[in-house]
């Protein structure tokens, strides 16, 4: 459930719109915004890898792999977000 709503719960990333040379640009750049966003996704996804658990269990280490279907949805939503953002420029 956390993965499905991840795009709604990530920290806000601020950007300024700059009008220069008759074009609208982002500051930080579009690529930097995208990189920050994907970094936040990565940090969330790898949280279970930091858990040690109790006893000889690998349950936390396989959580990201077992949720690969939901991870695909997360990345599809991210790509849709940046596609729409790029259209606004």
PDB file of N, CA and C in Angstrom:
ATOM      1  N   UNK A   1       0.824  -1.189   0.000  1.00  0.00           N
ATOM      2  CA  UNK A   1       0.000   0.000   0.000  1.00  0.00           C
ATOM      3  C   UNK A   1       0.868   1.253   0.000  1.00  0.00           C
ATOM      4  N   UNK A   2       1.990   1.190   0.701  1.00  0.00           N
ATOM      5  CA  UNK A   2       2.903   2.323   0.718  1.00  0.00           C
ATOM      6  C   UNK A   2       3.465   2.618  -0.648  1.00  0.00           C
ATOM      7  N   UNK A   3       3.728   1.565  -1.421  1.00  0.00           N
ATOM      8  CA  UNK A   3       4.268   1.761  -2.763  1.00  0.00           C
ATOM      9  C   UNK A   3       3.243   2.370  -3.700  1.00  0.00           C
ATOM     10  N   UNK A   4       1.997   1.937  -3.575  1.00  0.00           N
ATOM     11  CA  UNK A   4       0.956   2.425  -4.474  1.00  0.00           C
ATOM     12  C   UNK A   4       0.676   3.911  -4.296  1.00  0.00           C
ATOM     13  N   UNK A   5       0.882   4.422  -3.101  1.00  0.00           N
ATOM     14  CA  UNK A   5       0.638   5.843  -2.843  1.00  0.00           C
ATOM     15  C   UNK A   5       1.932   6.617  -2.612  1.00  0.00           C
ATOM     16  N   UNK A   6       3.039   6.026  -2.991  1.00  0.00           N
ATOM     17  CA  UNK A   6       4.341   6.645  -2.741  1.00  0.00           C
ATOM     18  C   UNK A   6       4.450   8.033  -3.354  1.00  0.00           C
ATOM     19  N   UNK A   7       3.936   8.196  -4.575  1.00  0.00           N
ATOM     20  CA  UNK A   7       4.049   9.499  -5.230  1.00  0.00           C
ATOM     21  C   UNK A   7       3.321  10.597  -4.463  1.00  0.00           C
ATOM     22  N   UNK A   8       2.368  10.224  -3.620  1.00  0.00           N
ATOM     23  CA  UNK A   8       1.622  11.210  -2.844  1.00  0.00           C
ATOM     24  C   UNK A   8       2.280  11.514  -1.498  1.00  0.00           C
ATOM     25  N   UNK A   9       3.200  10.657  -1.069  1.00  0.00           N
ATOM     26  CA  UNK A   9       3.771  10.830   0.265  1.00  0.00           C
ATOM     27  C   UNK A   9       5.252  11.198   0.269  1.00  0.00           C
ATOM     28  N   UNK A  10       5.844  11.370  -0.898  1.00  0.00           N
ATOM     29  CA  UNK A  10       7.246  11.795  -0.942  1.00  0.00           C
ATOM     30  C   UNK A  10       7.357  13.244  -0.494  1.00  0.00           C
ATOM     31  N   UNK A  11       8.503  13.622   0.062  1.00  0.00           N
ATOM     32  CA  UNK A  11       8.688  15.025   0.440  1.00  0.00           C
ATOM     33  C   UNK A  11       8.579  15.938  -0.780  1.00  0.00           C
ATOM     34  N   UNK A  12       8.088  17.120  -0.550  1.00  0.00           N
ATOM     35  CA  UNK A  12       7.939  18.098  -1.626  1.00  0.00           C
ATOM     36  C   UNK A  12       9.305  18.519  -2.147  1.00  0.00           C
ATOM     37  N   UNK A  13       9.405  18.630  -3.447  1.00  0.00           N
ATOM     38  CA  UNK A  13      10.629  19.113  -4.085  1.00  0.00           C
ATOM     39  C   UNK A  13      10.282  20.449  -4.734  1.00  0.00           C
ATOM     40  N   UNK A  14      10.915  21.504  -4.278  1.00  0.00           N
ATOM     41  CA  UNK A  14      10.615  22.850  -4.774  1.00  0.00           C
ATOM     42  C   UNK A  14      11.428  23.166  -6.015  1.00  0.00           C
ATOM     43  N   UNK A  15      10.807  23.941  -6.891  1.00  0.00           N
ATOM     44  CA  UNK A  15      11.490  24.395  -8.107  1.00  0.00           C
ATOM     45  C   UNK A  15      10.956  25.771  -8.471  1.00  0.00           C
ATOM     46  N   UNK A  16      11.803  26.550  -9.086  1.00  0.00           N
ATOM     47  CA  UNK A  16      11.411  27.857  -9.596  1.00  0.00           C
ATOM     48  C   UNK A  16      11.290  27.760 -11.105  1.00  0.00           C
ATOM     49  N   UNK A  17      10.352  28.520 -11.647  1.00  0.00           N
ATOM     50  CA  UNK A  17      10.232  28.643 -13.097  1.00  0.00           C
ATOM     51  C   UNK A  17      10.903  29.948 -13.499  1.00  0.00           C
ATOM     52  N   UNK A  18      11.827  29.856 -14.412  1.00  0.00           N
ATOM     53  CA  UNK A  18      12.596  31.007 -14.866  1.00  0.00           C
ATOM     54  C   UNK A  18      12.284  31.235 -16.341  1.00  0.00           C
ATOM     55  N   UNK A  19      11.973  32.460 -16.692  1.00  0.00           N
ATOM     56  CA  UNK A  19      11.739  32.808 -18.094  1.00  0.00           C
ATOM     57  C   UNK A  19      13.014  33.457 -18.612  1.00  0.00           C
ATOM     58  N   UNK A  20      13.686  32.743 -19.520  1.00  0.00           N
ATOM     59  CA  UNK A  20      14.956  33.252 -20.049  1.00  0.00           C
ATOM     60  C   UNK A  20      15.029  32.930 -21.539  1.00  0.00           C
ATOM     61  N   UNK A  21      15.449  33.891 -22.307  1.00  0.00           N
ATOM     62  CA  UNK A  21      15.590  33.713 -23.761  1.00  0.00           C
ATOM     63  C   UNK A  21      14.310  33.176 -24.392  1.00  0.00           C
ATOM     64  N   UNK A  22      13.202  33.718 -23.963  1.00  0.00           N
ATOM     65  CA  UNK A  22      11.876  33.373 -24.469  1.00  0.00           C
ATOM     66  C   UNK A  22      11.525  31.900 -24.255  1.00  0.00           C
ATOM     67  N   UNK A  23      12.084  31.308 -23.215  1.00  0.00           N
ATOM     68  CA  UNK A  23      11.759  29.932 -22.842  1.00  0.00           C
ATOM     69  C   UNK A  23      11.629  29.837 -21.329  1.00  0.00           C
ATOM     70  N   UNK A  24      10.782  28.920 -20.902  1.00  0.00           N
ATOM     71  CA  UNK A  24      10.629  28.662 -19.471  1.00  0.00           C
ATOM     72  C   UNK A  24      11.564  27.528 -19.089  1.00  0.00           C
ATOM     73  N   UNK A  25      12.333  27.762 -18.023  1.00  0.00           N
ATOM     74  CA  UNK A  25      13.272  26.764 -17.523  1.00  0.00           C
ATOM     75  C   UNK A  25      12.984  26.498 -16.049  1.00  0.00           C
ATOM     76  N   UNK A  26      13.357  25.336 -15.604  1.00  0.00           N
ATOM     77  CA  UNK A  26      13.255  25.000 -14.183  1.00  0.00           C
ATOM     78  C   UNK A  26      14.583  25.282 -13.507  1.00  0.00           C
ATOM     79  N   UNK A  27      14.492  25.695 -12.245  1.00  0.00           N
ATOM     80  CA  UNK A  27      15.680  25.825 -11.415  1.00  0.00           C
ATOM     81  C   UNK A  27      15.356  25.205 -10.090  1.00  0.00           C
ATOM     82  N   UNK A  28      15.942  24.090  -9.698  1.00  0.00           N
ATOM     83  CA  UNK A  28      16.988  23.352 -10.396  1.00  0.00           C
ATOM     84  C   UNK A  28      16.482  22.799 -11.724  1.00  0.00           C
ATOM     85  N   UNK A  29      17.391  22.338 -12.544  1.00  0.00           N
ATOM     86  CA  UNK A  29      17.025  21.888 -13.880  1.00  0.00           C
ATOM     87  C   UNK A  29      16.050  20.711 -13.823  1.00  0.00           C
ATOM     88  N   UNK A  30      15.381  20.476 -14.936  1.00  0.00           N
ATOM     89  CA  UNK A  30      14.437  19.372 -15.057  1.00  0.00           C
ATOM     90  C   UNK A  30      15.116  18.049 -14.705  1.00  0.00           C
ATOM     91  N   UNK A  31      16.327  17.854 -15.201  1.00  0.00           N
ATOM     92  CA  UNK A  31      17.072  16.619 -14.937  1.00  0.00           C
ATOM     93  C   UNK A  31      17.410  16.477 -13.457  1.00  0.00           C
ATOM     94  N   UNK A  32      17.763  17.590 -12.798  1.00  0.00           N
ATOM     95  CA  UNK A  32      18.064  17.537 -11.366  1.00  0.00           C
ATOM     96  C   UNK A  32      16.811  17.225 -10.551  1.00  0.00           C
ATOM     97  N   UNK A  33      15.675  17.792 -10.947  1.00  0.00           N
ATOM     98  CA  UNK A  33      14.412  17.494 -10.267  1.00  0.00           C
ATOM     99  C   UNK A  33      14.078  16.012 -10.378  1.00  0.00           C
ATOM    100  N   UNK A  34      14.234  15.493 -11.582  1.00  0.00           N
ATOM    101  CA  UNK A  34      13.953  14.081 -11.829  1.00  0.00           C
ATOM    102  C   UNK A  34      14.889  13.202 -11.001  1.00  0.00           C
ATOM    103  N   UNK A  35      16.144  13.566 -10.945  1.00  0.00           N
ATOM    104  CA  UNK A  35      17.127  12.812 -10.173  1.00  0.00           C
ATOM    105  C   UNK A  35      16.785  12.815  -8.681  1.00  0.00           C
ATOM    106  N   UNK A  36      16.399  13.970  -8.150  1.00  0.00           N
ATOM    107  CA  UNK A  36      16.005  14.065  -6.738  1.00  0.00           C
ATOM    108  C   UNK A  36      14.787  13.195  -6.455  1.00  0.00           C
ATOM    109  N   UNK A  37      13.825  13.212  -7.356  1.00  0.00           N
ATOM    110  CA  UNK A  37      12.600  12.444  -7.187  1.00  0.00           C
ATOM    111  C   UNK A  37      12.907  10.947  -7.153  1.00  0.00           C
ATOM    112  N   UNK A  38      13.708  10.492  -8.117  1.00  0.00           N
ATOM    113  CA  UNK A  38      14.056   9.068  -8.159  1.00  0.00           C
ATOM    114  C   UNK A  38      14.927   8.669  -6.966  1.00  0.00           C
ATOM    115  N   UNK A  39      15.716   9.580  -6.473  1.00  0.00           N
ATOM    116  CA  UNK A  39      16.511   9.307  -5.279  1.00  0.00           C
ATOM    117  C   UNK A  39      15.596   9.080  -4.072  1.00  0.00           C
ATOM    118  N   UNK A  40      14.553   9.892  -3.958  1.00  0.00           N
ATOM    119  CA  UNK A  40      13.583   9.713  -2.866  1.00  0.00           C
ATOM    120  C   UNK A  40      12.874   8.362  -2.984  1.00  0.00           C
ATOM    121  N   UNK A  41      12.516   7.973  -4.203  1.00  0.00           N
ATOM    122  CA  UNK A  41      11.894   6.667  -4.415  1.00  0.00           C
ATOM    123  C   UNK A  41      12.844   5.562  -3.972  1.00  0.00           C
ATOM    124  N   UNK A  42      14.083   5.665  -4.392  1.00  0.00           N
ATOM    125  CA  UNK A  42      15.086   4.653  -4.055  1.00  0.00           C
ATOM    126  C   UNK A  42      15.281   4.531  -2.545  1.00  0.00           C
ATOM    127  N   UNK A  43      15.331   5.664  -1.863  1.00  0.00           N
ATOM    128  CA  UNK A  43      15.496   5.638  -0.409  1.00  0.00           C
ATOM    129  C   UNK A  43      14.325   4.929   0.257  1.00  0.00           C
ATOM    130  N   UNK A  44      13.112   5.163  -0.227  1.00  0.00           N
ATOM    131  CA  UNK A  44      11.938   4.522   0.353  1.00  0.00           C
ATOM    132  C   UNK A  44      11.962   3.015   0.101  1.00  0.00           C
ATOM    133  N   UNK A  45      12.275   2.634  -1.117  1.00  0.00           N
ATOM    134  CA  UNK A  45      12.266   1.216  -1.497  1.00  0.00           C
ATOM    135  C   UNK A  45      13.303   0.414  -0.713  1.00  0.00           C
ATOM    136  N   UNK A  46      14.425   1.018  -0.406  1.00  0.00           N
ATOM    137  CA  UNK A  46      15.499   0.284   0.273  1.00  0.00           C
ATOM    138  C   UNK A  46      15.398   0.305   1.797  1.00  0.00           C
ATOM    139  N   UNK A  47      14.366   0.915   2.348  1.00  0.00           N
ATOM    140  CA  UNK A  47      14.202   0.925   3.803  1.00  0.00           C
ATOM    141  C   UNK A  47      14.216  -0.487   4.386  1.00  0.00           C
ATOM    142  N   UNK A  48      13.478  -1.457   3.815  1.00  0.00           N
ATOM    143  CA  UNK A  48      13.496  -2.808   4.401  1.00  0.00           C
ATOM    144  C   UNK A  48      14.883  -3.458   4.400  1.00  0.00           C
ATOM    145  N   UNK A  49      15.754  -3.075   3.497  1.00  0.00           N
ATOM    146  CA  UNK A  49      17.088  -3.664   3.435  1.00  0.00           C
ATOM    147  C   UNK A  49      17.930  -3.292   4.653  1.00  0.00           C
ATOM    148  N   UNK A  50      17.519  -2.260   5.365  1.00  0.00           N
ATOM    149  CA  UNK A  50      18.259  -1.799   6.547  1.00  0.00           C
ATOM    150  C   UNK A  50      17.811  -2.496   7.827  1.00  0.00           C
ATOM    151  N   UNK A  51      16.696  -3.234   7.769  1.00  0.00           N
ATOM    152  CA  UNK A  51      16.202  -3.946   8.941  1.00  0.00           C
ATOM    153  C   UNK A  51      16.986  -5.232   9.125  1.00  0.00           C
ATOM    154  N   UNK A  52      17.238  -5.587  10.385  1.00  0.00           N
ATOM    155  CA  UNK A  52      17.971  -6.823  10.638  1.00  0.00           C
ATOM    156  C   UNK A  52      17.038  -7.983  10.978  1.00  0.00           C
ATOM    157  N   UNK A  53      15.896  -7.709  11.546  1.00  0.00           N
ATOM    158  CA  UNK A  53      14.964  -8.781  11.883  1.00  0.00           C
ATOM    159  C   UNK A  53      15.401  -9.551  13.116  1.00  0.00           C
ATOM    160  N   UNK A  54      14.664 -10.617  13.392  1.00  0.00           N
ATOM    161  CA  UNK A  54      14.955 -11.456  14.546  1.00  0.00           C
ATOM    162  C   UNK A  54      15.252 -12.860  14.040  1.00  0.00           C
ATOM    163  N   UNK A  55      16.392 -13.386  14.390  1.00  0.00           N
ATOM    164  CA  UNK A  55      16.743 -14.733  13.958  1.00  0.00           C
ATOM    165  C   UNK A  55      17.261 -14.753  12.532  1.00  0.00           C
ATOM    166  N   UNK A  56      17.440 -15.952  12.024  1.00  0.00           N
ATOM    167  CA  UNK A  56      18.015 -16.092  10.674  1.00  0.00           C
ATOM    168  C   UNK A  56      16.960 -15.918   9.576  1.00  0.00           C
ATOM    169  N   UNK A  57      16.481 -14.714   9.410  1.00  0.00           N
ATOM    170  CA  UNK A  57      15.457 -14.455   8.396  1.00  0.00           C
ATOM    171  C   UNK A  57      15.961 -13.473   7.358  1.00  0.00           C
ATOM    172  N   UNK A  58      15.547 -13.682   6.157  1.00  0.00           N
ATOM    173  CA  UNK A  58      15.898 -12.795   5.046  1.00  0.00           C
ATOM    174  C   UNK A  58      14.670 -12.063   4.531  1.00  0.00           C
ATOM    175  N   UNK A  59      13.583 -12.095   5.282  1.00  0.00           N
ATOM    176  CA  UNK A  59      12.307 -11.544   4.836  1.00  0.00           C
ATOM    177  C   UNK A  59      12.421 -10.083   4.392  1.00  0.00           C
ATOM    178  N   UNK A  60      13.178  -9.301   5.131  1.00  0.00           N
ATOM    179  CA  UNK A  60      13.280  -7.878   4.785  1.00  0.00           C
ATOM    180  C   UNK A  60      14.075  -7.662   3.508  1.00  0.00           C
ATOM    181  N   UNK A  61      15.062  -8.509   3.280  1.00  0.00           N
ATOM    182  CA  UNK A  61      15.912  -8.349   2.106  1.00  0.00           C
ATOM    183  C   UNK A  61      15.192  -8.704   0.811  1.00  0.00           C
ATOM    184  N   UNK A  62      14.158  -9.536   0.887  1.00  0.00           N
ATOM    185  CA  UNK A  62      13.451  -9.927  -0.330  1.00  0.00           C
ATOM    186  C   UNK A  62      12.178  -9.106  -0.569  1.00  0.00           C
ATOM    187  N   UNK A  63      11.861  -8.205   0.350  1.00  0.00           N
ATOM    188  CA  UNK A  63      10.644  -7.401   0.203  1.00  0.00           C
ATOM    189  C   UNK A  63      10.604  -6.607  -1.103  1.00  0.00           C
ATOM    190  N   UNK A  64      11.666  -5.883  -1.461  1.00  0.00           N
ATOM    191  CA  UNK A  64      11.595  -5.131  -2.724  1.00  0.00           C
ATOM    192  C   UNK A  64      11.350  -6.051  -3.926  1.00  0.00           C
ATOM    193  N   UNK A  65      12.017  -7.203  -3.945  1.00  0.00           N
ATOM    194  CA  UNK A  65      11.856  -8.134  -5.063  1.00  0.00           C
ATOM    195  C   UNK A  65      10.437  -8.702  -5.115  1.00  0.00           C
ATOM    196  N   UNK A  66       9.877  -9.008  -3.963  1.00  0.00           N
ATOM    197  CA  UNK A  66       8.532  -9.570  -3.922  1.00  0.00           C
ATOM    198  C   UNK A  66       7.466  -8.548  -4.318  1.00  0.00           C
ATOM    199  N   UNK A  67       7.803  -7.292  -4.306  1.00  0.00           N
ATOM    200  CA  UNK A  67       6.854  -6.238  -4.668  1.00  0.00           C
ATOM    201  C   UNK A  67       7.191  -5.611  -6.011  1.00  0.00           C
ATOM    202  N   UNK A  68       7.828  -6.380  -6.868  1.00  0.00           N
ATOM    203  CA  UNK A  68       8.269  -5.824  -8.150  1.00  0.00           C
ATOM    204  C   UNK A  68       7.104  -5.304  -8.991  1.00  0.00           C
ATOM    205  N   UNK A  69       5.936  -5.929  -8.893  1.00  0.00           N
ATOM    206  CA  UNK A  69       4.766  -5.456  -9.641  1.00  0.00           C
ATOM    207  C   UNK A  69       4.399  -4.034  -9.203  1.00  0.00           C
ATOM    208  N   UNK A  70       4.413  -3.810  -7.895  1.00  0.00           N
ATOM    209  CA  UNK A  70       4.094  -2.483  -7.376  1.00  0.00           C
ATOM    210  C   UNK A  70       5.201  -1.482  -7.684  1.00  0.00           C
ATOM    211  N   UNK A  71       6.447  -1.947  -7.717  1.00  0.00           N
ATOM    212  CA  UNK A  71       7.552  -1.058  -8.065  1.00  0.00           C
ATOM    213  C   UNK A  71       7.402  -0.569  -9.502  1.00  0.00           C
ATOM    214  N   UNK A  72       6.941  -1.438 -10.366  1.00  0.00           N
ATOM    215  CA  UNK A  72       6.706  -1.044 -11.752  1.00  0.00           C
ATOM    216  C   UNK A  72       5.690   0.096 -11.803  1.00  0.00           C
ATOM    217  N   UNK A  73       4.639  -0.008 -11.001  1.00  0.00           N
ATOM    218  CA  UNK A  73       3.615   1.037 -10.947  1.00  0.00           C
ATOM    219  C   UNK A  73       4.209   2.351 -10.448  1.00  0.00           C
ATOM    220  N   UNK A  74       5.067   2.278  -9.443  1.00  0.00           N
ATOM    221  CA  UNK A  74       5.711   3.480  -8.894  1.00  0.00           C
ATOM    222  C   UNK A  74       6.493   4.203  -9.991  1.00  0.00           C
ATOM    223  N   UNK A  75       7.277   3.457 -10.752  1.00  0.00           N
ATOM    224  CA  UNK A  75       8.090   4.071 -11.795  1.00  0.00           C
ATOM    225  C   UNK A  75       7.245   4.552 -12.965  1.00  0.00           C
ATOM    226  N   UNK A  76       6.153   3.856 -13.260  1.00  0.00           N
ATOM    227  CA  UNK A  76       5.259   4.333 -14.314  1.00  0.00           C
ATOM    228  C   UNK A  76       4.612   5.657 -13.919  1.00  0.00           C
ATOM    229  N   UNK A  77       4.202   5.775 -12.660  1.00  0.00           N
ATOM    230  CA  UNK A  77       3.609   7.027 -12.186  1.00  0.00           C
ATOM    231  C   UNK A  77       4.638   8.158 -12.207  1.00  0.00           C
ATOM    232  N   UNK A  78       5.880   7.832 -11.869  1.00  0.00           N
ATOM    233  CA  UNK A  78       6.938   8.843 -11.894  1.00  0.00           C
ATOM    234  C   UNK A  78       7.174   9.329 -13.318  1.00  0.00           C
ATOM    235  N   UNK A  79       7.220   8.406 -14.256  1.00  0.00           N
ATOM    236  CA  UNK A  79       7.423   8.799 -15.653  1.00  0.00           C
ATOM    237  C   UNK A  79       6.265   9.637 -16.169  1.00  0.00           C
ATOM    238  N   UNK A  80       5.053   9.287 -15.768  1.00  0.00           N
ATOM    239  CA  UNK A  80       3.879  10.071 -16.165  1.00  0.00           C
ATOM    240  C   UNK A  80       3.956  11.480 -15.579  1.00  0.00           C
ATOM    241  N   UNK A  81       4.360  11.575 -14.322  1.00  0.00           N
ATOM    242  CA  UNK A  81       4.514  12.872 -13.668  1.00  0.00           C
ATOM    243  C   UNK A  81       5.495  13.754 -14.430  1.00  0.00           C
ATOM    244  N   UNK A  82       6.656  13.202 -14.764  1.00  0.00           N
ATOM    245  CA  UNK A  82       7.671  14.012 -15.438  1.00  0.00           C
ATOM    246  C   UNK A  82       7.310  14.276 -16.897  1.00  0.00           C
ATOM    247  N   UNK A  83       6.571  13.390 -17.508  1.00  0.00           N
ATOM    248  CA  UNK A  83       6.076  13.646 -18.866  1.00  0.00           C
ATOM    249  C   UNK A  83       5.143  14.861 -18.840  1.00  0.00           C
ATOM    250  N   UNK A  84       4.205  14.872 -17.872  1.00  0.00           N
ATOM    251  CA  UNK A  84       3.260  15.985 -17.752  1.00  0.00           C
ATOM    252  C   UNK A  84       3.981  17.277 -17.372  1.00  0.00           C
ATOM    253  N   UNK A  85       4.946  17.183 -16.511  1.00  0.00           N
ATOM    254  CA  UNK A  85       5.709  18.362 -16.104  1.00  0.00           C
ATOM    255  C   UNK A  85       6.477  18.946 -17.289  1.00  0.00           C
ATOM    256  N   UNK A  86       7.010  18.072 -18.111  1.00  0.00           N
ATOM    257  CA  UNK A  86       7.765  18.514 -19.284  1.00  0.00           C
ATOM    258  C   UNK A  86       6.850  19.184 -20.297  1.00  0.00           C
ATOM    259  N   UNK A  87       5.597  18.751 -20.382  1.00  0.00           N
ATOM    260  CA  UNK A  87       4.639  19.383 -21.292  1.00  0.00           C
ATOM    261  C   UNK A  87       4.317  20.812 -20.862  1.00  0.00           C
ATOM    262  N   UNK A  88       4.425  21.091 -19.588  1.00  0.00           N
ATOM    263  CA  UNK A  88       4.079  22.406 -19.064  1.00  0.00           C
ATOM    264  C   UNK A  88       5.138  23.456 -19.370  1.00  0.00           C
ATOM    265  N   UNK A  89       6.306  23.030 -19.788  1.00  0.00           N
ATOM    266  CA  UNK A  89       7.372  23.994 -20.059  1.00  0.00           C
ATOM    267  C   UNK A  89       7.100  24.779 -21.303  1.00  0.00           C
TER     268      UNK A  89
END
